Amino acid sequence: MLIRFILLLLVGTSISCSSAAKKAELDRQNIFFAEFYYEQGFPDRSIAHARKIKPNSPNYAAARDWIERASDEGDESDYFE
C-alpha cells in the first residue's frame, strides 16, 4: 500500500513539474514574440502575445511593458507628418 502511494505521489509530482515548465516556456516564447512583432511594426500582434501571460507569471511585468509600448506605438501610427 505504501509503495502505491509513493508511486502515485511521484507521478503527480512529475506531472505538476512538467506543467510548470511548459507554462514557463510558453511565457518565454510569448515575451519573445511580443518583442519581435513590436520591432517588426505589428503592435496588435505584440499586444496579443503579451496578453497571454497571466498575472501569476514572473514575466508579467515584462508583458505589461510590451503592452504599454505597443499601445503607444499603435496610437502614434495614426498620425502622419
Protein backbone atom coordinates (compact mmCIF):
# COMPACT_ATOMS: atom_id res chain seq x y z
CA MET A 1 0.00 0.00 0.00
CA LEU A 2 2.81 2.40 0.87
CA ILE A 3 4.57 1.64 -2.41
CA ARG A 4 1.43 2.50 -4.39
CA PHE A 5 1.11 5.78 -2.52
CA ILE A 6 4.75 6.68 -3.21
CA LEU A 7 4.38 5.84 -6.90
CA LEU A 8 1.22 7.92 -7.13
CA LEU A 9 2.99 10.80 -5.40
CA LEU A 10 5.94 10.59 -7.82
CA VAL A 11 3.67 10.56 -10.86
CA GLY A 12 1.68 13.51 -9.56
CA THR A 13 4.84 15.47 -8.84
CA SER A 14 6.33 14.83 -12.26
CA ILE A 15 3.13 15.93 -13.99
CA SER A 16 2.98 19.06 -11.88
CA CYS A 17 6.61 19.97 -12.58
CA SER A 18 6.33 19.39 -16.30
CA SER A 19 3.22 21.54 -16.41
CA ALA A 20 5.02 24.40 -14.64
CA ALA A 21 7.96 24.04 -17.01
CA LYS A 22 5.64 24.17 -20.02
CA LYS A 23 3.96 27.33 -18.71
CA ALA A 24 7.34 28.98 -18.14
CA GLU A 25 8.44 28.09 -21.66
CA LEU A 26 5.20 29.41 -23.18
CA ASP A 27 5.62 32.66 -21.24
CA ARG A 28 9.18 32.99 -22.50
CA GLN A 29 8.02 32.41 -26.08
CA ASN A 30 5.20 34.93 -25.75
CA ILE A 31 7.61 37.59 -24.46
CA PHE A 32 9.89 36.85 -27.41
CA PHE A 33 7.02 37.15 -29.91
CA ALA A 34 5.74 40.34 -28.26
CA GLU A 35 9.16 41.93 -28.70
CA PHE A 36 9.60 40.53 -32.22
CA TYR A 37 6.26 41.77 -33.53
CA TYR A 38 6.76 45.16 -31.87
CA GLU A 39 10.11 45.59 -33.61
CA GLN A 40 8.62 44.48 -36.94
CA GLY A 41 5.89 47.10 -36.71
CA PHE A 42 2.91 44.93 -35.73
CA PRO A 43 1.74 46.36 -32.38
CA ASP A 44 -1.55 44.44 -32.39
CA ARG A 45 0.21 41.08 -32.62
CA SER A 46 2.67 42.19 -29.96
CA ILE A 47 -0.17 43.03 -27.59
CA ALA A 48 -1.91 39.72 -28.32
CA HIS A 49 1.15 37.71 -27.33
CA ALA A 50 1.84 39.83 -24.25
CA ARG A 51 -1.74 39.42 -23.02
CA LYS A 52 -1.35 35.63 -22.99
CA ILE A 53 0.89 35.98 -19.93
CA LYS A 54 -1.07 35.72 -16.69
CA PRO A 55 -0.54 37.87 -13.55
CA ASN A 56 0.97 34.99 -11.57
CA SER A 57 3.83 34.62 -14.07
CA PRO A 58 7.30 36.00 -13.31
CA ASN A 59 7.24 37.54 -16.81
CA TYR A 60 4.07 39.53 -16.14
CA ALA A 61 5.92 42.84 -15.62
CA ALA A 62 7.70 42.44 -18.95
CA ALA A 63 4.40 41.60 -20.64
CA ARG A 64 2.79 44.77 -19.23
CA ASP A 65 5.77 46.76 -20.52
CA TRP A 66 5.32 45.39 -24.04
CA ILE A 67 1.59 46.07 -23.91
CA GLU A 68 2.26 49.70 -22.96
CA ARG A 69 4.92 50.13 -25.66
CA ALA A 70 2.78 48.58 -28.37
CA SER A 71 -0.28 50.58 -27.28
CA ASP A 72 1.69 53.80 -27.52
CA GLU A 73 3.06 52.75 -30.90
CA GLY A 74 -0.43 51.99 -32.18
CA ASP A 75 -1.68 55.42 -31.14
CA GLU A 76 1.20 57.23 -32.83
CA SER A 77 0.87 55.32 -36.11
CA ASP A 78 -2.46 57.07 -36.84
CA TYR A 79 -0.73 60.44 -37.23
CA PHE A 80 1.36 61.32 -40.26
CA GLU A 81 3.50 64.38 -40.78
